[in-house]
Structure formats: C-alpha cells, structure tokens
C-alpha cells in the first residue's frame, strides 16, 4: 500500500470527499442564508429607486409646467403694469 503522511490513498480519498461535501454544504448555507436575501433586497431597492426616479421625473415635469404658467402670468402682469404706467404718463 502506498502511504503519504501516514495515510493511505483510500484514506486521502475519504478526506477529500468529506472536505468537498462540507465545502458544498457550507456554500449552500451561505447562499441560502446570505446571498439570496441580499439579492432580493437589492432587487427591491432597485425597483424602489426606479419608481422614485419615475416619480421625480413626473414631479419635475409638473413643476416645469407650473413655472412656465407662472412666468406667463408674470409677463402678462408686467405688460399690464407697463400699459397702466403709459396711460398715467399720458394723463399728466
């Protein structure tokens, strides 16, 4: 029989098999306990950020429309004030 570091080739095969099974089990537990919940949280966060971006875009468009409306009204008031000032100047 071949012996390496005091163990036979069969025993080394058993050690490697046991280590492989333990590593696979450890990897599966880590995936189930940590990776999958993190992936779900990341997907949910991504969805919320996408929704927030869409809401922000809609709100920005609303504010732009409101700003344009106010600007038009301000211009109309300025025009009216100018007309009134001219009328007052003409009456003097």
N, C-alpha and C. Protein backbone atom coordinates (compact mmCIF):
# COMPACT_ATOMS: atom_id res chain seq x y z
N UNK A 1 0.82 -1.18 0.00
CA UNK A 1 0.00 0.00 0.00
C UNK A 1 0.87 1.25 0.00
N UNK A 2 0.35 2.23 -0.68
CA UNK A 2 1.04 3.50 -0.71
C UNK A 2 0.59 4.34 0.47
N UNK A 3 1.57 4.93 1.13
CA UNK A 3 1.27 5.75 2.30
C UNK A 3 1.89 7.13 2.07
N UNK A 4 1.10 8.17 2.38
CA UNK A 4 1.59 9.54 2.26
C UNK A 4 1.18 10.28 3.53
N UNK A 5 2.16 10.80 4.23
CA UNK A 5 1.96 11.48 5.52
C UNK A 5 1.19 10.60 6.51
N UNK A 6 1.41 9.35 6.45
CA UNK A 6 0.82 8.42 7.41
C UNK A 6 -0.57 7.93 7.04
N UNK A 7 -1.09 8.36 5.89
CA UNK A 7 -2.43 7.92 5.47
C UNK A 7 -2.34 7.23 4.12
N UNK A 8 -3.21 6.24 3.93
CA UNK A 8 -3.23 5.53 2.65
C UNK A 8 -3.99 6.37 1.62
N UNK A 9 -3.88 5.96 0.36
CA UNK A 9 -4.56 6.67 -0.72
C UNK A 9 -6.08 6.63 -0.50
N UNK A 10 -6.59 5.55 -0.03
CA UNK A 10 -8.03 5.43 0.26
C UNK A 10 -8.48 6.41 1.33
N UNK A 11 -7.66 6.53 2.38
CA UNK A 11 -7.99 7.48 3.44
C UNK A 11 -7.94 8.92 2.92
N UNK A 12 -6.94 9.21 2.08
CA UNK A 12 -6.86 10.56 1.48
C UNK A 12 -8.10 10.83 0.62
N UNK A 13 -8.56 9.82 -0.10
CA UNK A 13 -9.78 9.96 -0.90
C UNK A 13 -10.99 10.28 -0.02
N UNK A 14 -11.06 9.59 1.12
CA UNK A 14 -12.15 9.86 2.07
C UNK A 14 -12.08 11.29 2.60
N UNK A 15 -10.88 11.74 2.96
CA UNK A 15 -10.72 13.11 3.47
C UNK A 15 -11.15 14.14 2.43
N UNK A 16 -10.71 13.90 1.20
CA UNK A 16 -11.07 14.84 0.13
C UNK A 16 -12.57 14.84 -0.11
N UNK A 17 -13.20 13.68 -0.09
CA UNK A 17 -14.66 13.59 -0.27
C UNK A 17 -15.38 14.32 0.86
N UNK A 18 -14.97 14.08 2.09
CA UNK A 18 -15.60 14.74 3.24
C UNK A 18 -15.41 16.25 3.15
N UNK A 19 -14.20 16.69 2.80
CA UNK A 19 -13.94 18.13 2.69
C UNK A 19 -14.78 18.76 1.58
N UNK A 20 -14.95 18.05 0.45
CA UNK A 20 -15.75 18.56 -0.67
C UNK A 20 -17.22 18.67 -0.26
N UNK A 21 -17.73 17.67 0.42
CA UNK A 21 -19.13 17.71 0.87
C UNK A 21 -19.33 18.85 1.87
N UNK A 22 -18.40 19.00 2.81
CA UNK A 22 -18.51 20.09 3.80
C UNK A 22 -18.45 21.45 3.12
N UNK A 23 -17.55 21.60 2.15
CA UNK A 23 -17.44 22.87 1.44
C UNK A 23 -18.71 23.16 0.64
N UNK A 24 -19.27 22.14 -0.01
CA UNK A 24 -20.53 22.31 -0.74
C UNK A 24 -21.67 22.68 0.18
N UNK A 25 -21.75 22.02 1.33
CA UNK A 25 -22.79 22.33 2.31
C UNK A 25 -22.63 23.75 2.85
N UNK A 26 -21.40 24.12 3.16
CA UNK A 26 -21.12 25.47 3.65
C UNK A 26 -21.51 26.51 2.60
N UNK A 27 -21.18 26.26 1.34
CA UNK A 27 -21.52 27.18 0.25
C UNK A 27 -23.03 27.29 0.10
N UNK A 28 -23.73 26.19 0.18
CA UNK A 28 -25.20 26.22 0.06
C UNK A 28 -25.83 27.01 1.20
N UNK A 29 -25.34 26.78 2.43
CA UNK A 29 -25.87 27.51 3.60
C UNK A 29 -25.62 29.00 3.45
N UNK A 30 -24.43 29.38 3.03
CA UNK A 30 -24.12 30.80 2.84
C UNK A 30 -25.04 31.40 1.78
N UNK A 31 -25.27 30.68 0.69
CA UNK A 31 -26.12 31.18 -0.38
C UNK A 31 -27.56 31.36 0.12
N UNK A 32 -28.07 30.37 0.83
CA UNK A 32 -29.46 30.44 1.31
C UNK A 32 -29.60 31.49 2.41
N UNK A 33 -28.63 31.57 3.31
CA UNK A 33 -28.75 32.46 4.45
C UNK A 33 -28.36 33.90 4.14
N UNK A 34 -27.43 34.11 3.21
CA UNK A 34 -26.93 35.47 2.97
C UNK A 34 -27.18 35.98 1.57
N UNK A 35 -26.77 35.23 0.58
CA UNK A 35 -26.78 35.74 -0.80
C UNK A 35 -28.19 35.93 -1.31
N UNK A 36 -29.07 34.95 -1.16
CA UNK A 36 -30.43 35.08 -1.68
C UNK A 36 -31.19 36.24 -1.03
N UNK A 37 -31.16 36.39 0.30
CA UNK A 37 -31.83 37.56 0.88
C UNK A 37 -31.23 38.88 0.41
N UNK A 38 -29.91 38.91 0.26
CA UNK A 38 -29.29 40.15 -0.24
C UNK A 38 -29.71 40.44 -1.67
N UNK A 39 -29.78 39.41 -2.51
CA UNK A 39 -30.23 39.62 -3.89
C UNK A 39 -31.66 40.12 -3.92
N UNK A 40 -32.52 39.55 -3.07
CA UNK A 40 -33.91 40.02 -3.01
C UNK A 40 -33.98 41.47 -2.55
N UNK A 41 -33.18 41.81 -1.56
CA UNK A 41 -33.16 43.20 -1.07
C UNK A 41 -32.65 44.15 -2.14
N UNK A 42 -31.63 43.73 -2.87
CA UNK A 42 -31.08 44.57 -3.93
C UNK A 42 -32.11 44.75 -5.05
N UNK A 43 -32.83 43.70 -5.41
CA UNK A 43 -33.85 43.82 -6.44
C UNK A 43 -34.97 44.75 -5.99
N UNK A 44 -35.38 44.64 -4.73
CA UNK A 44 -36.43 45.52 -4.20
C UNK A 44 -35.96 46.97 -4.17
N UNK A 45 -34.72 47.17 -3.75
CA UNK A 45 -34.15 48.52 -3.72
C UNK A 45 -34.05 49.10 -5.12
N UNK A 46 -33.64 48.29 -6.08
CA UNK A 46 -33.56 48.74 -7.47
C UNK A 46 -34.94 49.15 -7.98
N UNK A 47 -35.95 48.37 -7.65
CA UNK A 47 -37.32 48.70 -8.05
C UNK A 47 -37.78 50.00 -7.42
N UNK A 48 -37.48 50.19 -6.15
CA UNK A 48 -37.87 51.42 -5.46
C UNK A 48 -37.14 52.62 -6.04
N UNK A 49 -35.88 52.48 -6.38
CA UNK A 49 -35.12 53.58 -6.98
C UNK A 49 -35.70 53.91 -8.35
N UNK A 50 -36.07 52.90 -9.12
CA UNK A 50 -36.68 53.12 -10.44
C UNK A 50 -38.00 53.88 -10.28
N UNK A 51 -38.82 53.46 -9.31
CA UNK A 51 -40.09 54.14 -9.06
C UNK A 51 -39.86 55.58 -8.61
N UNK A 52 -38.87 55.78 -7.74
CA UNK A 52 -38.55 57.13 -7.27
C UNK A 52 -38.09 58.01 -8.43
N UNK A 53 -37.32 57.44 -9.33
CA UNK A 53 -36.84 58.19 -10.49
C UNK A 53 -38.02 58.60 -11.37
N UNK A 54 -38.96 57.67 -11.58
CA UNK A 54 -40.12 58.00 -12.40
C UNK A 54 -40.98 59.06 -11.73
N UNK A 55 -41.19 58.93 -10.41
CA UNK A 55 -41.96 59.93 -9.68
C UNK A 55 -41.28 61.29 -9.72
N UNK A 56 -39.97 61.28 -9.57
CA UNK A 56 -39.21 62.52 -9.61
C UNK A 56 -39.32 63.18 -10.98
N UNK A 57 -39.26 62.38 -12.02
CA UNK A 57 -39.37 62.92 -13.38
C UNK A 57 -40.75 63.53 -13.59
N UNK A 58 -41.80 62.84 -13.15
CA UNK A 58 -43.16 63.38 -13.29
C UNK A 58 -43.32 64.67 -12.49
N UNK A 59 -42.77 64.68 -11.28
CA UNK A 59 -42.86 65.87 -10.44
C UNK A 59 -42.09 67.03 -11.07
N UNK A 60 -40.94 66.73 -11.64
CA UNK A 60 -40.15 67.76 -12.31
C UNK A 60 -40.93 68.34 -13.49
N UNK A 61 -41.58 67.48 -14.27
CA UNK A 61 -42.38 67.96 -15.39
C UNK A 61 -43.53 68.84 -14.90
N UNK A 62 -44.15 68.44 -13.80
CA UNK A 62 -45.24 69.24 -13.22
C UNK A 62 -44.72 70.61 -12.79
N UNK A 63 -43.59 70.64 -12.11
CA UNK A 63 -43.02 71.91 -11.67
C UNK A 63 -42.61 72.78 -12.86
N UNK A 64 -42.11 72.16 -13.91
CA UNK A 64 -41.74 72.92 -15.11
C UNK A 64 -42.97 73.56 -15.73
N UNK A 65 -44.07 72.80 -15.81
CA UNK A 65 -45.31 73.35 -16.35
C UNK A 65 -45.81 74.50 -15.48
N UNK A 66 -45.76 74.29 -14.18
CA UNK A 66 -46.20 75.33 -13.25
C UNK A 66 -45.33 76.57 -13.36
N UNK A 67 -44.03 76.38 -13.48
CA UNK A 67 -43.11 77.50 -13.64
C UNK A 67 -43.40 78.26 -14.93
N UNK A 68 -43.62 77.54 -16.01
CA UNK A 68 -43.95 78.19 -17.28
C UNK A 68 -45.25 78.98 -17.17
N UNK A 69 -46.24 78.42 -16.48
CA UNK A 69 -47.51 79.12 -16.29
C UNK A 69 -47.29 80.39 -15.47
N UNK A 70 -46.53 80.29 -14.41
CA UNK A 70 -46.26 81.48 -13.58
C UNK A 70 -45.47 82.53 -14.37
N UNK A 71 -44.54 82.07 -15.16
CA UNK A 71 -43.76 83.01 -15.97
C UNK A 71 -44.67 83.75 -16.95
N UNK A 72 -45.59 83.03 -17.57
CA UNK A 72 -46.53 83.67 -18.50
C UNK A 72 -47.41 84.67 -17.77
N UNK A 73 -47.90 84.30 -16.60
CA UNK A 73 -48.74 85.21 -15.83
C UNK A 73 -47.96 86.44 -15.39
N UNK A 74 -46.70 86.24 -15.01
CA UNK A 74 -45.85 87.36 -14.61
C UNK A 74 -45.61 88.29 -15.79
N UNK A 75 -45.37 87.73 -16.95
CA UNK A 75 -45.19 88.55 -18.15
C UNK A 75 -46.46 89.33 -18.47
N UNK A 76 -47.61 88.69 -18.32
CA UNK A 76 -48.89 89.39 -18.54
C UNK A 76 -49.05 90.54 -17.56
N UNK A 77 -48.71 90.31 -16.31
CA UNK A 77 -48.80 91.40 -15.31
C UNK A 77 -47.83 92.53 -15.65
N UNK A 78 -46.64 92.16 -16.08
CA UNK A 78 -45.67 93.19 -16.45
C UNK A 78 -46.20 94.03 -17.60
N UNK A 79 -46.81 93.37 -18.56
CA UNK A 79 -47.39 94.09 -19.70
C UNK A 79 -48.50 95.02 -19.23
N UNK A 80 -49.37 94.54 -18.36
CA UNK A 80 -50.46 95.37 -17.84
C UNK A 80 -49.92 96.56 -17.06
N UNK A 81 -48.90 96.33 -16.25
CA UNK A 81 -48.31 97.43 -15.49
C UNK A 81 -47.71 98.47 -16.43
N UNK A 82 -47.03 98.01 -17.46
CA UNK A 82 -46.43 98.93 -18.44
C UNK A 82 -47.52 99.75 -19.12
N UNK A 83 -48.63 99.13 -19.50
CA UNK A 83 -49.73 99.84 -20.15
C UNK A 83 -50.33 100.87 -19.20
N UNK A 84 -50.52 100.48 -17.95
CA UNK A 84 -51.07 101.42 -16.96
C UNK A 84 -50.12 102.59 -16.74
N UNK A 85 -48.82 102.31 -16.65
CA UNK A 85 -47.83 103.40 -16.48
C UNK A 85 -47.87 104.36 -17.66
N UNK A 86 -48.00 103.85 -18.88
CA UNK A 86 -48.08 104.71 -20.06
C UNK A 86 -49.34 105.57 -20.02
N UNK A 87 -50.44 104.98 -19.59
CA UNK A 87 -51.69 105.73 -19.50
C UNK A 87 -51.56 106.85 -18.47
N UNK A 88 -50.90 106.57 -17.38
CA UNK A 88 -50.70 107.59 -16.34
C UNK A 88 -49.80 108.69 -16.88
N UNK A 89 -48.75 108.35 -17.59
CA UNK A 89 -47.84 109.34 -18.18
C UNK A 89 -48.56 110.21 -19.20
N UNK A 90 -49.46 109.63 -19.96
CA UNK A 90 -50.20 110.36 -20.98
C UNK A 90 -51.19 111.34 -20.33
N UNK A 91 -51.71 111.03 -19.17
CA UNK A 91 -52.68 111.89 -18.49
C UNK A 91 -52.00 113.08 -17.84
N UNK A 92 -50.73 113.01 -17.61
CA UNK A 92 -50.02 114.13 -16.96
C UNK A 92 -49.86 115.30 -17.85
